[in-house]
Amino acid sequence: MANYSTETRLPSAEVLQRAISHFGPGGLGLEVCRQDPCRVDLTGGGGHVTITARTEGKKTTVDLETREWDFHVRQFVREIAR
């Protein structure tokens, strides 16, 4: 299991929506197992991705945990950190 963290100017709701688009059924095909205003859990392909986003002021802190999806998580982190 691996953990990643980044900061972005995107609001937390947008980060989570982008995560679902990237990793979910319309993207890499993972299943959304849990979704709430601050977190989304996805599973599939023998692994999982959990994304937690917290907006404080003008920045959002994003924490990601994964098993088997490291390459794609790093790619997602690069996309939202721009």
Protein backbone atom coordinates (compact mmCIF):
# COMPACT_ATOMS: atom_id res chain seq x y z
CA MET A 1 0.00 0.00 0.00
CA ALA A 2 1.24 3.49 -0.82
CA ASN A 3 0.23 6.96 0.36
CA TYR A 4 0.47 10.21 -1.57
CA SER A 5 -0.39 13.81 -0.71
CA THR A 6 -0.60 17.05 -2.67
CA GLU A 7 -2.11 20.51 -2.55
CA THR A 8 -4.25 22.13 -5.24
CA ARG A 9 -6.29 25.26 -5.81
CA LEU A 10 -9.27 23.17 -6.89
CA PRO A 11 -12.15 22.91 -4.41
CA SER A 12 -12.51 19.54 -2.69
CA ALA A 13 -15.78 18.71 -4.50
CA GLU A 14 -14.07 19.17 -7.88
CA VAL A 15 -11.08 17.06 -6.82
CA LEU A 16 -13.39 14.19 -5.86
CA GLN A 17 -15.44 14.51 -9.06
CA ARG A 18 -12.24 14.43 -11.14
CA ALA A 19 -11.10 11.37 -9.18
CA ILE A 20 -14.35 9.56 -10.00
CA SER A 21 -13.99 10.52 -13.68
CA HIS A 22 -10.35 9.40 -13.73
CA PHE A 23 -10.59 6.16 -11.75
CA GLY A 24 -14.30 5.26 -11.91
CA PRO A 25 -16.48 3.43 -14.45
CA GLY A 26 -15.98 6.07 -17.18
CA GLY A 27 -12.20 6.13 -16.68
CA LEU A 28 -10.08 3.22 -15.48
CA GLY A 29 -13.14 1.16 -14.54
CA LEU A 30 -12.91 1.03 -10.76
CA GLU A 31 -16.13 0.75 -8.78
CA VAL A 32 -17.15 3.58 -6.45
CA CYS A 33 -17.68 1.86 -3.08
CA ARG A 34 -18.14 4.91 -0.89
CA GLN A 35 -18.62 8.58 -1.56
CA ASP A 36 -19.20 11.49 0.80
CA PRO A 37 -18.38 15.22 0.65
CA CYS A 38 -14.74 14.71 1.72
CA ARG A 39 -13.85 11.21 0.50
CA VAL A 40 -14.28 8.67 -2.26
CA ASP A 41 -13.26 4.99 -2.17
CA LEU A 42 -12.84 2.99 -5.38
CA THR A 43 -11.95 -0.68 -5.85
CA GLY A 44 -11.10 -2.96 -8.73
CA GLY A 45 -8.30 -4.73 -10.52
CA GLY A 46 -7.10 -6.33 -7.30
CA GLY A 47 -6.56 -3.02 -5.55
CA HIS A 48 -8.12 0.19 -4.36
CA VAL A 49 -7.82 3.98 -4.38
CA THR A 50 -9.04 6.22 -1.55
CA ILE A 51 -9.04 9.98 -2.02
CA THR A 52 -9.67 12.45 0.80
CA ALA A 53 -9.86 16.20 0.09
CA ARG A 54 -10.02 19.07 2.60
CA THR A 55 -10.33 22.69 1.51
CA GLU A 56 -8.83 25.27 3.86
CA GLY A 57 -8.89 28.83 2.61
CA LYS A 58 -7.69 28.94 -0.99
CA LYS A 59 -5.98 25.54 -1.01
CA THR A 60 -7.15 21.96 -0.85
CA THR A 61 -5.08 19.20 0.70
CA VAL A 62 -5.53 15.88 -1.06
CA ASP A 63 -4.46 12.57 0.50
CA LEU A 64 -4.49 9.39 -1.56
CA GLU A 65 -4.01 5.78 -0.53
CA THR A 66 -3.64 3.03 -3.09
CA ARG A 67 -2.81 -0.58 -3.69
CA GLU A 68 -2.01 -1.69 -7.27
CA TRP A 69 -2.81 1.71 -8.83
CA ASP A 70 0.36 3.71 -8.00
CA PHE A 71 1.17 4.77 -11.57
CA HIS A 72 -2.34 6.09 -12.15
CA VAL A 73 -2.48 7.81 -8.74
CA ARG A 74 0.80 9.62 -9.46
CA GLN A 75 -0.62 10.67 -12.84
CA PHE A 76 -3.78 12.00 -11.17
CA VAL A 77 -1.72 13.90 -8.59
CA ARG A 78 0.23 15.61 -11.39
CA GLU A 79 -3.03 16.61 -13.11
CA ILE A 80 -4.68 18.22 -10.09
CA ALA A 81 -1.52 19.88 -8.73
CA ARG A 82 -1.22 22.16 -11.77
